[in-house]
Amino acid sequence: MSTRKTGLRQKAQLMSASEIERTLVRLAYEIVEKNGGVDGLGLVGIRRRGVPLAERLGKIITRIENSKVPVGTLDITFYRDDLSTLGPKPVVHEKEIGFPIEDKNIVLVDDVLFTGRTTRAALDALFSHGRPRQVQLCVLIDRGHRELPVEASFVGRNVQTTMSEVIEVKLTEIDNAEKVLLMEK
């Protein structure tokens, strides 16, 4: 990756492919344990990198429990309050999540928890589809610096960062690479 293009330089690799895999297995067990099994459970990945993470967690949970868990997708681009200058919010269609969320225990899955704004936007988008029984948040990395009262129920790793640092999650499905990097501006 050229630093000229992004203006970022790699400071450290925080997770390798095998560490990501092990972390997802642990998170899957935690999700199953905290929800008392998979009955009424649904995973919803937040675009973009939350989607492959949710799909992987769904596969692992299916292996653990020998029972398939519905996995859906949420695109929250137009729900972001910091992007409201883009104009009116488009209608989010039911087919987007892909399964009914009514009265289910929903685990929202994202790659990095930072300010909490993406999570807040995801909750707005999620509740436009119905009323889940419970919503929990699962993130691969929690880097702190919250601006909103948002806390993840399931955290792969807590990473203390400065405001000049950036976490880059690279996933095979999107980036053709599998690692978590700490970058610096």
Protein backbone atom coordinates (compact mmCIF):
# COMPACT_ATOMS: atom_id res chain seq x y z
CA MET A 1 0.00 0.00 0.00
CA SER A 2 1.47 3.33 -0.97
CA THR A 3 1.56 5.87 1.82
CA ARG A 4 1.36 8.68 -0.72
CA LYS A 5 -2.14 7.63 -1.73
CA THR A 6 -3.62 7.29 1.78
CA GLY A 7 -1.30 9.52 3.79
CA LEU A 8 -1.06 6.70 6.34
CA ARG A 9 1.91 4.62 7.35
CA GLN A 10 1.73 1.21 8.96
CA LYS A 11 2.65 1.36 12.62
CA ALA A 12 1.90 -2.22 13.68
CA GLN A 13 0.05 -5.37 12.73
CA LEU A 14 -2.47 -5.99 15.51
CA MET A 15 -3.91 -9.29 14.28
CA SER A 16 -2.87 -11.95 11.79
CA ALA A 17 -5.31 -14.13 9.82
CA SER A 18 -5.10 -16.90 12.43
CA GLU A 19 -5.66 -14.43 15.27
CA ILE A 20 -8.76 -13.07 13.52
CA GLU A 21 -10.06 -16.63 13.10
CA ARG A 22 -9.42 -17.55 16.76
CA THR A 23 -11.05 -14.31 17.91
CA LEU A 24 -14.17 -15.00 15.81
CA VAL A 25 -14.42 -18.51 17.28
CA ARG A 26 -14.24 -17.07 20.80
CA LEU A 27 -16.83 -14.40 19.94
CA ALA A 28 -19.15 -17.06 18.48
CA TYR A 29 -18.98 -19.07 21.72
CA GLU A 30 -19.65 -15.90 23.76
CA ILE A 31 -22.66 -15.01 21.59
CA VAL A 32 -24.13 -18.52 21.97
CA GLU A 33 -23.48 -18.54 25.73
CA LYS A 34 -24.90 -15.08 26.42
CA ASN A 35 -28.01 -15.81 24.34
CA GLY A 36 -28.61 -19.26 25.83
CA GLY A 37 -28.21 -21.00 22.47
CA VAL A 38 -29.34 -19.94 19.02
CA ASP A 39 -33.12 -19.96 19.42
CA GLY A 40 -34.41 -16.59 18.21
CA LEU A 41 -30.89 -15.41 17.37
CA GLY A 42 -30.04 -13.42 14.24
CA LEU A 43 -26.79 -11.80 13.09
CA VAL A 44 -26.79 -8.57 11.09
CA GLY A 45 -23.56 -7.32 9.52
CA ILE A 46 -23.06 -3.59 9.02
CA ARG A 47 -21.72 -2.84 5.56
CA ARG A 48 -18.98 -3.19 4.56
CA ARG A 49 -16.63 -5.24 6.70
CA GLY A 50 -19.26 -6.19 9.27
CA VAL A 51 -20.97 -8.32 6.61
CA PRO A 52 -18.23 -10.94 6.05
CA LEU A 53 -17.58 -10.97 9.82
CA ALA A 54 -21.29 -11.72 10.48
CA GLU A 55 -21.26 -14.43 7.80
CA ARG A 56 -18.18 -16.06 9.33
CA LEU A 57 -19.67 -15.88 12.84
CA GLY A 58 -22.86 -17.46 11.46
CA LYS A 59 -20.87 -20.38 10.01
CA ILE A 60 -18.94 -20.91 13.26
CA ILE A 61 -22.13 -20.79 15.35
CA THR A 62 -23.77 -23.27 12.96
CA ARG A 63 -20.82 -25.62 13.52
CA ILE A 64 -20.95 -25.18 17.31
CA GLU A 65 -24.71 -25.55 17.72
CA ASN A 66 -25.50 -27.69 14.67
CA SER A 67 -28.28 -25.19 13.91
CA LYS A 68 -28.33 -22.48 11.26
CA VAL A 69 -28.51 -18.85 12.38
CA PRO A 70 -29.97 -16.26 9.99
CA VAL A 71 -27.40 -13.69 8.83
CA GLY A 72 -28.45 -10.41 7.27
CA THR A 73 -26.95 -7.18 5.97
CA LEU A 74 -27.55 -3.58 6.90
CA ASP A 75 -26.43 -0.70 4.71
CA ILE A 76 -26.46 2.40 6.87
CA THR A 77 -24.79 4.89 4.53
CA PHE A 78 -27.76 7.25 4.42
CA TYR A 79 -28.57 6.92 8.10
CA ARG A 80 -25.28 8.48 9.16
CA ASP A 81 -26.04 11.79 10.87
CA ASP A 82 -22.68 13.15 9.73
CA LEU A 83 -23.64 12.47 6.09
CA SER A 84 -27.06 14.13 6.29
CA THR A 85 -25.98 16.69 3.69
CA LEU A 86 -26.47 13.95 1.09
CA GLY A 87 -30.18 14.73 0.98
CA PRO A 88 -33.25 12.70 1.93
CA LYS A 89 -32.87 9.31 3.56
CA PRO A 90 -33.72 6.56 1.06
CA VAL A 91 -36.18 3.84 1.99
CA VAL A 92 -34.44 0.77 3.40
CA HIS A 93 -36.17 -2.32 2.06
CA GLU A 94 -36.94 -5.46 4.07
CA LYS A 95 -35.03 -7.64 1.61
CA GLU A 96 -31.88 -5.89 2.72
CA ILE A 97 -31.68 -7.63 6.09
CA GLY A 98 -33.03 -10.82 4.55
CA PHE A 99 -34.99 -12.18 7.53
CA PRO A 100 -37.66 -10.84 9.90
CA ILE A 101 -36.08 -9.31 13.02
CA GLU A 102 -39.32 -8.97 14.99
CA ASP A 103 -38.91 -10.33 18.55
CA LYS A 104 -35.45 -11.79 17.78
CA ASN A 105 -32.17 -11.39 19.64
CA ILE A 106 -30.17 -9.46 17.06
CA VAL A 107 -26.40 -9.22 17.17
CA LEU A 108 -25.17 -6.27 15.10
CA VAL A 109 -21.68 -7.03 13.76
CA ASP A 110 -19.10 -4.42 12.75
CA ASP A 111 -15.34 -4.37 12.33
CA VAL A 112 -14.34 -1.36 14.44
CA LEU A 113 -16.16 0.52 17.20
CA PHE A 114 -14.91 4.10 17.38
CA THR A 115 -17.19 7.11 18.02
CA GLY A 116 -20.43 5.08 18.16
CA ARG A 117 -22.03 7.02 15.28
CA THR A 118 -22.11 4.05 12.91
CA THR A 119 -23.77 1.94 15.61
CA ARG A 120 -26.37 4.63 16.28
CA ALA A 121 -27.12 4.85 12.56
CA ALA A 122 -27.33 1.05 12.37
CA LEU A 123 -29.86 1.01 15.22
CA ASP A 124 -31.99 3.59 13.36
CA ALA A 125 -31.86 1.46 10.20
CA LEU A 126 -32.51 -1.76 12.14
CA PHE A 127 -35.57 -0.40 13.96
CA SER A 128 -37.03 0.76 10.63
CA HIS A 129 -37.43 -3.01 9.95
CA GLY A 130 -39.25 -3.90 13.16
CA ARG A 131 -38.78 -4.40 16.87
CA PRO A 132 -36.20 -6.97 17.92
CA ARG A 133 -36.45 -8.44 21.43
CA GLN A 134 -32.86 -7.40 22.13
CA VAL A 135 -29.96 -5.83 20.22
CA GLN A 136 -26.34 -6.60 21.09
CA LEU A 137 -23.24 -5.23 19.41
CA CYS A 138 -20.28 -7.39 18.38
CA VAL A 139 -17.08 -5.75 17.10
CA LEU A 140 -13.70 -7.14 16.11
CA ILE A 141 -11.87 -4.06 17.47
CA ASP A 142 -12.96 -1.48 20.05
CA ARG A 143 -10.61 1.50 19.74
CA GLY A 144 -12.25 3.84 22.23
CA HIS A 145 -12.92 7.58 21.71
CA ARG A 146 -16.70 7.29 22.05
CA GLU A 147 -18.86 10.32 21.27
CA LEU A 148 -22.10 8.50 22.08
CA PRO A 149 -23.08 6.13 24.92
CA VAL A 150 -22.49 2.96 22.90
CA GLU A 151 -20.90 -0.17 24.33
CA ALA A 152 -20.28 -3.50 22.61
CA SER A 153 -21.51 -6.70 24.28
CA PHE A 154 -18.87 -8.73 22.42
CA VAL A 155 -15.38 -7.36 21.71
CA GLY A 156 -12.63 -9.18 19.85
CA ARG A 157 -9.91 -6.88 21.10
CA ASN A 158 -9.67 -3.51 22.85
CA VAL A 159 -7.00 -1.30 21.31
CA GLN A 160 -6.03 2.01 22.85
CA THR A 161 -5.53 4.47 20.01
CA THR A 162 -4.70 8.13 19.61
CA MET A 163 -6.79 10.36 17.37
CA SER A 164 -3.98 10.37 14.79
CA GLU A 165 -4.10 6.58 14.51
CA VAL A 166 -6.42 4.57 12.28
CA ILE A 167 -7.39 0.90 12.51
CA GLU A 168 -7.54 -0.88 9.16
CA VAL A 169 -9.30 -4.23 9.07
CA LYS A 170 -8.44 -6.21 5.94
CA LEU A 171 -10.70 -9.16 5.12
CA THR A 172 -10.18 -11.67 2.33
CA GLU A 173 -13.75 -11.24 1.03
CA ILE A 174 -13.27 -7.50 0.42
CA ASP A 175 -9.55 -6.72 0.49
CA ASN A 176 -7.89 -9.97 -0.63
CA ALA A 177 -5.87 -9.79 2.59
CA GLU A 178 -6.51 -10.94 6.15
CA LYS A 179 -5.09 -8.78 8.95
CA VAL A 180 -5.73 -5.88 11.29
CA LEU A 181 -3.31 -2.96 11.04
CA LEU A 182 -2.64 0.08 13.19
CA MET A 183 -1.92 2.96 10.86
CA GLU A 184 -0.73 6.47 11.65
CA LYS A 185 -1.53 9.72 9.87
